[in-house]
Amino acid sequence: MPITKEDKEKIIKKFGKSKDDTGATEVQVAILSHRISELTEHVKIHKKDKHTRRGLVQLVSQRKKLLKYLSKTNTKSYVTLIKELSIRG
């Protein structure tokens, strides 16, 4: 269930500063959020898939760390990203 090339390009275009800006924290969080939503749907269907569940927990942890970094370095960008991706309440 990898992210498609078209989806990744859309995310980079929406959250990145340029079309090749894959390293920005905002882009990384958006890509992780997309993968998390796909894996969440998979885990809802396949309840006994423990390996995917572990990977999902790792992705959520990685996104949490990136969001913590972003909140410390660029609070304004953090708030807009949270609203746009509709995460954290």
N, C-alpha and C. Protein backbone atom coordinates (compact mmCIF):
# COMPACT_ATOMS: atom_id res chain seq x y z
N MET A 1 0.80 -1.19 0.00
CA MET A 1 0.00 0.00 0.00
C MET A 1 0.85 1.27 0.00
N PRO A 2 1.84 1.35 -0.85
CA PRO A 2 2.65 2.56 -0.88
C PRO A 2 1.86 3.72 -1.48
N ILE A 3 2.31 4.91 -1.20
CA ILE A 3 1.67 6.10 -1.73
C ILE A 3 1.98 6.20 -3.23
N THR A 4 0.98 6.57 -4.01
CA THR A 4 1.19 6.66 -5.45
C THR A 4 2.00 7.91 -5.78
N LYS A 5 2.62 7.87 -6.93
CA LYS A 5 3.46 8.99 -7.36
C LYS A 5 2.63 10.27 -7.53
N GLU A 6 1.42 10.12 -8.05
CA GLU A 6 0.56 11.29 -8.27
C GLU A 6 0.14 11.92 -6.95
N ASP A 7 -0.22 11.06 -5.98
CA ASP A 7 -0.61 11.58 -4.66
C ASP A 7 0.55 12.32 -3.99
N LYS A 8 1.74 11.73 -4.10
CA LYS A 8 2.92 12.34 -3.49
C LYS A 8 3.23 13.69 -4.13
N GLU A 9 3.09 13.77 -5.45
CA GLU A 9 3.34 15.03 -6.15
C GLU A 9 2.33 16.10 -5.74
N LYS A 10 1.07 15.71 -5.56
CA LYS A 10 0.04 16.65 -5.11
C LYS A 10 0.37 17.20 -3.73
N ILE A 11 0.78 16.31 -2.84
CA ILE A 11 1.12 16.72 -1.47
C ILE A 11 2.32 17.66 -1.48
N ILE A 12 3.34 17.32 -2.26
CA ILE A 12 4.53 18.17 -2.33
C ILE A 12 4.18 19.53 -2.91
N LYS A 13 3.33 19.55 -3.93
CA LYS A 13 2.93 20.82 -4.54
C LYS A 13 2.13 21.67 -3.56
N LYS A 14 1.30 21.02 -2.74
CA LYS A 14 0.43 21.75 -1.82
C LYS A 14 1.20 22.29 -0.61
N PHE A 15 2.10 21.49 -0.03
CA PHE A 15 2.75 21.87 1.21
C PHE A 15 4.20 22.31 1.05
N GLY A 16 4.83 22.00 -0.07
CA GLY A 16 6.24 22.35 -0.25
C GLY A 16 6.42 23.75 -0.79
N LYS A 17 7.65 24.22 -0.69
CA LYS A 17 7.97 25.55 -1.19
C LYS A 17 8.28 25.53 -2.69
N SER A 18 8.69 24.35 -3.18
CA SER A 18 8.91 24.16 -4.61
C SER A 18 8.49 22.73 -4.96
N LYS A 19 8.59 22.38 -6.25
CA LYS A 19 8.13 21.05 -6.66
C LYS A 19 9.06 19.93 -6.21
N ASP A 20 10.30 20.27 -5.86
CA ASP A 20 11.26 19.28 -5.42
C ASP A 20 11.51 19.32 -3.92
N ASP A 21 10.69 20.03 -3.19
CA ASP A 21 10.89 20.24 -1.76
C ASP A 21 10.26 19.11 -0.96
N THR A 22 10.95 17.97 -0.91
CA THR A 22 10.43 16.82 -0.17
C THR A 22 10.96 16.77 1.25
N GLY A 23 11.94 17.60 1.57
CA GLY A 23 12.56 17.55 2.88
C GLY A 23 11.93 18.46 3.91
N ALA A 24 11.04 19.34 3.48
CA ALA A 24 10.40 20.25 4.42
C ALA A 24 9.57 19.46 5.43
N THR A 25 9.57 19.92 6.65
CA THR A 25 8.85 19.23 7.71
C THR A 25 7.36 19.13 7.40
N GLU A 26 6.80 20.19 6.82
CA GLU A 26 5.38 20.19 6.49
C GLU A 26 5.04 19.10 5.48
N VAL A 27 5.91 18.94 4.49
CA VAL A 27 5.70 17.92 3.46
C VAL A 27 5.81 16.53 4.07
N GLN A 28 6.81 16.33 4.92
CA GLN A 28 6.99 15.02 5.54
C GLN A 28 5.79 14.65 6.40
N VAL A 29 5.26 15.61 7.16
CA VAL A 29 4.10 15.35 8.00
C VAL A 29 2.88 15.04 7.14
N ALA A 30 2.71 15.75 6.04
CA ALA A 30 1.56 15.51 5.16
C ALA A 30 1.63 14.13 4.53
N ILE A 31 2.81 13.72 4.09
CA ILE A 31 2.97 12.39 3.50
C ILE A 31 2.72 11.31 4.54
N LEU A 32 3.25 11.50 5.74
CA LEU A 32 3.00 10.54 6.81
C LEU A 32 1.52 10.46 7.14
N SER A 33 0.84 11.59 7.15
CA SER A 33 -0.60 11.60 7.45
C SER A 33 -1.38 10.83 6.40
N HIS A 34 -0.98 10.96 5.15
CA HIS A 34 -1.63 10.22 4.07
C HIS A 34 -1.43 8.71 4.26
N ARG A 35 -0.20 8.31 4.57
CA ARG A 35 0.08 6.89 4.79
C ARG A 35 -0.65 6.36 6.02
N ILE A 36 -0.73 7.18 7.07
CA ILE A 36 -1.41 6.77 8.29
C ILE A 36 -2.89 6.54 8.03
N SER A 37 -3.51 7.41 7.25
CA SER A 37 -4.94 7.24 6.97
C SER A 37 -5.20 5.97 6.15
N GLU A 38 -4.30 5.67 5.20
CA GLU A 38 -4.47 4.44 4.42
C GLU A 38 -4.29 3.20 5.29
N LEU A 39 -3.28 3.21 6.14
CA LEU A 39 -3.04 2.05 7.00
C LEU A 39 -4.13 1.89 8.04
N THR A 40 -4.71 2.99 8.49
CA THR A 40 -5.80 2.90 9.45
C THR A 40 -6.99 2.17 8.85
N GLU A 41 -7.31 2.48 7.60
CA GLU A 41 -8.41 1.79 6.92
C GLU A 41 -8.09 0.30 6.76
N HIS A 42 -6.84 -0.02 6.46
CA HIS A 42 -6.44 -1.42 6.30
C HIS A 42 -6.59 -2.18 7.61
N VAL A 43 -6.15 -1.55 8.71
CA VAL A 43 -6.20 -2.21 10.01
C VAL A 43 -7.64 -2.39 10.49
N LYS A 44 -8.52 -1.48 10.09
CA LYS A 44 -9.93 -1.64 10.46
C LYS A 44 -10.53 -2.89 9.82
N ILE A 45 -10.11 -3.18 8.60
CA ILE A 45 -10.62 -4.35 7.88
C ILE A 45 -9.95 -5.63 8.37
N HIS A 46 -8.62 -5.60 8.47
CA HIS A 46 -7.83 -6.78 8.84
C HIS A 46 -7.38 -6.63 10.30
N LYS A 47 -8.24 -7.03 11.21
CA LYS A 47 -8.02 -6.79 12.63
C LYS A 47 -6.86 -7.58 13.21
N LYS A 48 -6.48 -8.70 12.60
CA LYS A 48 -5.41 -9.53 13.16
C LYS A 48 -4.05 -9.27 12.52
N ASP A 49 -3.95 -8.26 11.70
CA ASP A 49 -2.69 -7.92 11.03
C ASP A 49 -1.82 -7.11 11.98
N LYS A 50 -1.09 -7.82 12.84
CA LYS A 50 -0.29 -7.17 13.88
C LYS A 50 0.93 -6.45 13.31
N HIS A 51 1.49 -6.95 12.22
CA HIS A 51 2.67 -6.34 11.63
C HIS A 51 2.34 -4.95 11.07
N THR A 52 1.21 -4.83 10.41
CA THR A 52 0.81 -3.54 9.88
C THR A 52 0.47 -2.58 11.01
N ARG A 53 -0.13 -3.11 12.07
CA ARG A 53 -0.47 -2.27 13.22
C ARG A 53 0.80 -1.69 13.85
N ARG A 54 1.85 -2.50 13.94
CA ARG A 54 3.12 -2.03 14.51
C ARG A 54 3.72 -0.93 13.62
N GLY A 55 3.66 -1.13 12.31
CA GLY A 55 4.15 -0.11 11.39
C GLY A 55 3.36 1.18 11.50
N LEU A 56 2.06 1.05 11.71
CA LEU A 56 1.19 2.21 11.87
C LEU A 56 1.57 2.99 13.13
N VAL A 57 1.83 2.28 14.20
CA VAL A 57 2.24 2.94 15.45
C VAL A 57 3.57 3.67 15.27
N GLN A 58 4.49 3.07 14.52
CA GLN A 58 5.77 3.71 14.26
C GLN A 58 5.60 4.99 13.44
N LEU A 59 4.71 4.95 12.44
CA LEU A 59 4.46 6.14 11.62
C LEU A 59 3.83 7.26 12.45
N VAL A 60 2.90 6.90 13.32
CA VAL A 60 2.27 7.91 14.18
C VAL A 60 3.31 8.54 15.10
N SER A 61 4.20 7.72 15.62
CA SER A 61 5.26 8.23 16.50
C SER A 61 6.19 9.17 15.74
N GLN A 62 6.54 8.81 14.53
CA GLN A 62 7.42 9.64 13.71
C GLN A 62 6.75 10.97 13.39
N ARG A 63 5.46 10.93 13.07
CA ARG A 63 4.72 12.16 12.78
C ARG A 63 4.64 13.04 14.02
N LYS A 64 4.45 12.41 15.17
CA LYS A 64 4.38 13.16 16.43
C LYS A 64 5.69 13.90 16.70
N LYS A 65 6.81 13.23 16.45
CA LYS A 65 8.11 13.86 16.66
C LYS A 65 8.32 15.03 15.70
N LEU A 66 7.93 14.86 14.44
CA LEU A 66 8.07 15.94 13.47
C LEU A 66 7.18 17.13 13.83
N LEU A 67 5.97 16.85 14.31
CA LEU A 67 5.07 17.94 14.71
C LEU A 67 5.62 18.67 15.93
N LYS A 68 6.23 17.94 16.84
CA LYS A 68 6.83 18.57 18.02
C LYS A 68 7.97 19.49 17.59
N TYR A 69 8.80 19.04 16.66
CA TYR A 69 9.88 19.86 16.13
C TYR A 69 9.33 21.11 15.44
N LEU A 70 8.29 20.93 14.64
CA LEU A 70 7.71 22.05 13.90
C LEU A 70 7.09 23.06 14.85
N SER A 71 6.47 22.59 15.92
CA SER A 71 5.85 23.52 16.88
C SER A 71 6.91 24.36 17.59
N LYS A 72 8.09 23.80 17.79
CA LYS A 72 9.17 24.55 18.44
C LYS A 72 9.82 25.55 17.48
N THR A 73 9.98 25.17 16.22
CA THR A 73 10.72 26.02 15.29
C THR A 73 9.84 27.02 14.54
N ASN A 74 8.63 26.61 14.16
CA ASN A 74 7.78 27.49 13.36
C ASN A 74 6.32 27.29 13.78
N THR A 75 5.90 28.03 14.79
CA THR A 75 4.58 27.83 15.37
C THR A 75 3.47 28.17 14.39
N LYS A 76 3.65 29.20 13.60
CA LYS A 76 2.62 29.61 12.64
C LYS A 76 2.37 28.51 11.60
N SER A 77 3.44 27.95 11.07
CA SER A 77 3.33 26.87 10.10
C SER A 77 2.70 25.64 10.74
N TYR A 78 3.04 25.38 12.00
CA TYR A 78 2.48 24.25 12.74
C TYR A 78 0.96 24.36 12.85
N VAL A 79 0.48 25.54 13.22
CA VAL A 79 -0.96 25.74 13.40
C VAL A 79 -1.70 25.59 12.07
N THR A 80 -1.17 26.15 11.01
CA THR A 80 -1.84 26.03 9.70
C THR A 80 -1.83 24.59 9.21
N LEU A 81 -0.75 23.87 9.44
CA LEU A 81 -0.66 22.47 9.02
C LEU A 81 -1.66 21.60 9.78
N ILE A 82 -1.77 21.82 11.07
CA ILE A 82 -2.71 21.06 11.89
C ILE A 82 -4.15 21.28 11.41
N LYS A 83 -4.48 22.54 11.10
CA LYS A 83 -5.83 22.85 10.62
C LYS A 83 -6.09 22.25 9.25
N GLU A 84 -5.10 22.34 8.38
CA GLU A 84 -5.27 21.86 7.02
C GLU A 84 -5.38 20.34 6.93
N LEU A 85 -4.61 19.64 7.76
CA LEU A 85 -4.68 18.17 7.75
C LEU A 85 -5.75 17.64 8.69
N SER A 86 -6.33 18.52 9.48
CA SER A 86 -7.37 18.19 10.49
C SER A 86 -6.92 17.04 11.40
N ILE A 87 -5.78 17.25 12.03
CA ILE A 87 -5.28 16.31 13.04
C ILE A 87 -5.18 17.04 14.36
N ARG A 88 -5.10 16.31 15.43
CA ARG A 88 -5.04 16.84 16.80
C ARG A 88 -6.28 17.64 17.15
N GLY A 89 -7.41 16.98 17.07
CA GLY A 89 -8.65 17.59 17.54
C GLY A 89 -9.21 18.52 16.55
